[in-house]
Amino acid sequence: MKNRGIVIVAVAALAAGAGFYGYQQRAQPAATIPTAKLAATVPDFSLADRAGQMRSLHDWNGKALIVNFWATWCAPCRKEIPLLQKLQRERAGEGFQVVGIAVDFREKVLAYADEMKIDYPLLIGEQEALDAASAFGVEAIGFPFTIFTDTRGRVVVAHMGELTQAEADLILGTVKAVDAGQRTLEQARAHIETGLAALSPT
């Protein structure tokens, strides 16, 4: 019970900052996490899916992953879900797979997922999901954020904040170039950073 209480406090504290974080999303340009802070490859952790089965991101080996960390109380998270559903429908044939990781209470996630008819896999946890973010190298958490990998499981970039269609097209096009051997990871990251800066409002 003591550990459960700590987790509740942590998640509640994150929820309390949701309104401020939403304002920051509108005020600040898109950003990426410095590569030096990120895991080089998809870390090994397991979380329960919607059916209660333990799943690992390695269950989707061979796919280029779009791993979205979110919470039901986060307005920018809710706003980008339709885009993530669109990406799942339109990009699955290109080898991409969206996986949502909800850092939230399970019952709230299940209810919201049913309401929104989320059609991509969801992994759910409280402290365990926070630990998953840490395993990726994301320590100071603001929601939403999205990790992009290539088909070899290498972390290409982490996008902070609500994802837009233009940003998704830029990042996924660059990941495809990496998988095709047309760009190195270093070239891809530089291209994404420059492209995101150009897309950001002045």
Protein backbone atom coordinates (compact mmCIF):
# COMPACT_ATOMS: atom_id res chain seq x y z
CA MET A 1 0.00 0.00 0.00
CA LYS A 2 2.86 2.38 0.72
CA ASN A 3 4.31 2.00 -2.80
CA ARG A 4 0.84 2.42 -4.30
CA GLY A 5 0.49 5.67 -2.38
CA ILE A 6 3.79 6.97 -3.74
CA VAL A 7 2.70 6.16 -7.29
CA ILE A 8 -0.65 7.93 -6.80
CA VAL A 9 1.14 11.05 -5.56
CA ALA A 10 3.53 10.95 -8.54
CA VAL A 11 0.77 10.58 -11.11
CA ALA A 12 -1.38 13.20 -9.39
CA ALA A 13 1.56 15.61 -9.41
CA LEU A 14 1.96 15.09 -13.14
CA ALA A 15 -1.76 15.70 -13.62
CA ALA A 16 -1.58 18.93 -11.67
CA GLY A 17 0.92 20.29 -14.18
CA ALA A 18 -1.12 19.37 -17.24
CA GLY A 19 -2.68 22.77 -17.77
CA PHE A 20 0.66 24.58 -17.61
CA TYR A 21 2.27 22.05 -19.90
CA GLY A 22 -0.53 22.50 -22.45
CA TYR A 23 0.16 26.26 -22.48
CA GLN A 24 3.86 25.63 -22.97
CA GLN A 25 3.10 23.44 -25.97
CA ARG A 26 1.50 26.38 -27.77
CA ALA A 27 4.19 28.83 -26.74
CA GLN A 28 7.32 26.80 -27.47
CA PRO A 29 8.63 25.36 -30.78
CA ALA A 30 8.84 21.62 -31.31
CA ALA A 31 11.92 20.12 -29.74
CA THR A 32 13.87 16.90 -29.55
CA ILE A 33 15.76 15.37 -26.65
CA PRO A 34 19.55 15.47 -27.06
CA THR A 35 20.68 12.13 -28.48
CA ALA A 36 23.33 11.74 -25.78
CA LYS A 37 20.56 11.37 -23.18
CA LEU A 38 18.59 8.74 -25.08
CA ALA A 39 18.88 4.98 -25.07
CA ALA A 40 20.57 3.78 -28.25
CA THR A 41 18.03 1.01 -28.81
CA VAL A 42 14.56 0.03 -27.61
CA PRO A 43 14.94 -0.84 -23.90
CA ASP A 44 13.66 -4.10 -22.43
CA PHE A 45 10.58 -3.57 -20.27
CA SER A 46 7.06 -4.99 -20.12
CA LEU A 47 3.71 -3.37 -19.39
CA ALA A 48 0.14 -4.65 -19.36
CA ASP A 49 -1.91 -4.12 -22.51
CA ARG A 50 -5.66 -3.42 -22.62
CA ALA A 51 -6.42 -7.10 -22.08
CA GLY A 52 -4.07 -7.29 -19.08
CA GLN A 53 -1.42 -9.26 -20.95
CA MET A 54 2.21 -8.27 -20.39
CA ARG A 55 3.73 -6.94 -23.59
CA SER A 56 7.18 -5.73 -24.58
CA LEU A 57 8.04 -3.32 -27.38
CA HIS A 58 10.20 -6.16 -28.70
CA ASP A 59 6.92 -7.88 -29.63
CA TRP A 60 7.02 -5.55 -32.64
CA ASN A 61 10.59 -6.27 -33.71
CA GLY A 62 11.08 -5.50 -37.37
CA LYS A 63 8.70 -2.53 -37.23
CA ALA A 64 9.69 1.13 -37.11
CA LEU A 65 8.02 2.19 -33.86
CA ILE A 66 6.12 5.35 -33.00
CA VAL A 67 6.02 5.08 -29.19
CA ASN A 68 3.74 7.75 -27.75
CA PHE A 69 3.79 8.49 -24.00
CA TRP A 70 0.55 10.12 -22.86
CA ALA A 71 -2.09 10.44 -20.14
CA THR A 72 -5.86 10.90 -20.18
CA TRP A 73 -5.71 14.18 -18.25
CA CYS A 74 -3.28 15.75 -20.74
CA ALA A 75 -5.10 17.98 -23.25
CA PRO A 76 -2.32 17.95 -25.92
CA CYS A 77 -2.19 14.15 -25.60
CA ARG A 78 -5.90 13.84 -26.27
CA LYS A 79 -5.67 16.27 -29.18
CA GLU A 80 -2.99 14.26 -31.01
CA ILE A 81 -4.69 10.84 -30.68
CA PRO A 82 -6.64 11.22 -33.96
CA LEU A 83 -3.36 11.89 -35.76
CA LEU A 84 -1.79 8.79 -34.22
CA GLN A 85 -4.78 6.73 -35.35
CA LYS A 86 -4.38 8.19 -38.85
CA LEU A 87 -0.67 7.32 -38.87
CA GLN A 88 -1.47 3.76 -37.80
CA ARG A 89 -3.95 3.35 -40.65
CA GLU A 90 -1.88 5.03 -43.34
CA ARG A 91 1.67 4.05 -42.39
CA ALA A 92 1.27 0.45 -41.24
CA GLY A 93 1.85 -0.76 -44.80
CA GLU A 94 5.20 1.07 -44.79
CA GLY A 95 6.40 -0.86 -41.74
CA PHE A 96 5.46 1.63 -39.02
CA GLN A 97 3.68 0.68 -35.79
CA VAL A 98 2.14 3.09 -33.28
CA VAL A 99 2.26 1.96 -29.64
CA GLY A 100 0.76 4.16 -26.93
CA ILE A 101 2.18 4.05 -23.41
CA ALA A 102 -0.29 5.52 -20.93
CA VAL A 103 1.22 6.84 -17.70
CA ASP A 104 -2.10 6.82 -15.91
CA PHE A 105 -4.62 4.84 -13.90
CA ARG A 106 -5.69 1.73 -15.77
CA GLU A 107 -9.45 2.19 -15.43
CA LYS A 108 -9.27 5.74 -16.81
CA VAL A 109 -7.18 4.63 -19.78
CA LEU A 110 -9.51 1.75 -20.66
CA ALA A 111 -12.59 3.99 -20.51
CA TYR A 112 -10.98 6.71 -22.62
CA ALA A 113 -9.59 4.23 -25.16
CA ASP A 114 -13.08 2.78 -25.62
CA GLU A 115 -14.60 6.24 -25.95
CA MET A 116 -12.04 7.30 -28.58
CA LYS A 117 -11.99 3.89 -30.29
CA ILE A 118 -8.20 3.83 -30.19
CA ASP A 119 -7.15 1.18 -32.68
CA TYR A 120 -3.43 0.89 -31.99
CA PRO A 121 -1.85 -1.11 -29.13
CA LEU A 122 -1.80 0.48 -25.68
CA LEU A 123 0.49 -0.39 -22.80
CA ILE A 124 -0.57 0.92 -19.41
CA GLY A 125 1.18 1.59 -16.12
CA GLU A 126 1.71 4.02 -13.30
CA GLN A 127 5.23 3.84 -11.79
CA GLU A 128 6.09 1.10 -14.31
CA ALA A 129 5.30 3.43 -17.21
CA LEU A 130 7.37 6.20 -15.63
CA ASP A 131 10.20 3.68 -15.36
CA ALA A 132 9.74 2.88 -19.07
CA ALA A 133 10.21 6.57 -19.91
CA SER A 134 13.38 6.59 -17.80
CA ALA A 135 14.61 3.49 -19.63
CA PHE A 136 14.40 5.49 -22.85
CA GLY A 137 16.48 8.22 -21.22
CA VAL A 138 13.61 10.67 -20.68
CA GLU A 139 13.98 11.92 -17.11
CA ALA A 140 12.11 15.25 -16.92
CA ILE A 141 8.68 14.20 -18.18
CA GLY A 142 6.23 16.51 -19.92
CA PHE A 143 3.41 14.96 -21.90
CA PRO A 144 3.03 14.04 -24.62
CA PHE A 145 6.33 12.86 -26.06
CA THR A 146 7.03 10.34 -28.80
CA ILE A 147 9.98 8.06 -29.48
CA PHE A 148 10.70 7.09 -33.09
CA THR A 149 12.80 4.03 -33.96
CA ASP A 150 13.95 2.42 -37.17
CA THR A 151 13.15 -1.18 -38.12
CA ARG A 152 16.34 -2.35 -36.39
CA GLY A 153 15.12 -1.04 -33.03
CA ARG A 154 17.52 1.90 -32.95
CA VAL A 155 16.18 5.10 -31.40
CA VAL A 156 16.25 7.77 -34.07
CA VAL A 157 14.74 10.72 -32.23
CA ALA A 158 12.43 11.70 -29.37
CA HIS A 159 9.90 14.43 -30.14
CA MET A 160 8.68 16.51 -27.21
CA GLY A 161 5.17 17.90 -27.24
CA GLU A 162 2.11 17.45 -29.39
CA LEU A 163 2.91 15.99 -32.80
CA THR A 164 1.55 17.67 -35.93
CA GLN A 165 0.97 16.12 -39.35
CA ALA A 166 3.87 18.08 -40.87
CA GLU A 167 6.23 17.01 -38.08
CA ALA A 168 5.14 13.39 -38.41
CA ASP A 169 5.68 13.45 -42.17
CA LEU A 170 9.16 14.91 -41.72
CA ILE A 171 10.21 12.41 -39.06
CA LEU A 172 8.69 9.31 -40.68
CA GLY A 173 10.11 10.21 -44.08
CA THR A 174 13.54 10.53 -42.48
CA VAL A 175 13.17 7.20 -40.66
CA LYS A 176 12.32 5.57 -44.00
CA ALA A 177 15.51 7.04 -45.45
CA VAL A 178 17.49 5.51 -42.57
CA ASP A 179 15.91 2.10 -43.19
CA ALA A 180 16.68 2.41 -46.90
CA GLY A 181 20.34 3.17 -46.14
CA GLN A 182 20.03 6.67 -47.58
CA ARG A 183 20.89 8.46 -44.32
CA THR A 184 22.94 7.60 -41.26
CA LEU A 185 21.40 8.09 -37.84
CA GLU A 186 23.50 11.21 -37.34
CA GLN A 187 22.39 12.65 -40.67
CA ALA A 188 18.77 11.77 -39.90
CA ARG A 189 18.84 13.50 -36.52
CA ALA A 190 20.40 16.64 -37.98
CA HIS A 191 17.83 16.65 -40.79
CA ILE A 192 14.94 16.28 -38.33
CA GLU A 193 16.25 19.01 -36.02
CA THR A 194 16.66 21.44 -38.93
CA GLY A 195 13.28 20.51 -40.34
CA LEU A 196 11.46 20.92 -37.04
CA ALA A 197 13.04 24.34 -36.55
CA ALA A 198 11.81 25.37 -40.02
CA LEU A 199 8.29 24.14 -39.24
CA SER A 200 8.07 25.96 -35.90
CA PRO A 201 6.22 29.31 -35.91
CA THR A 202 8.44 32.32 -35.50
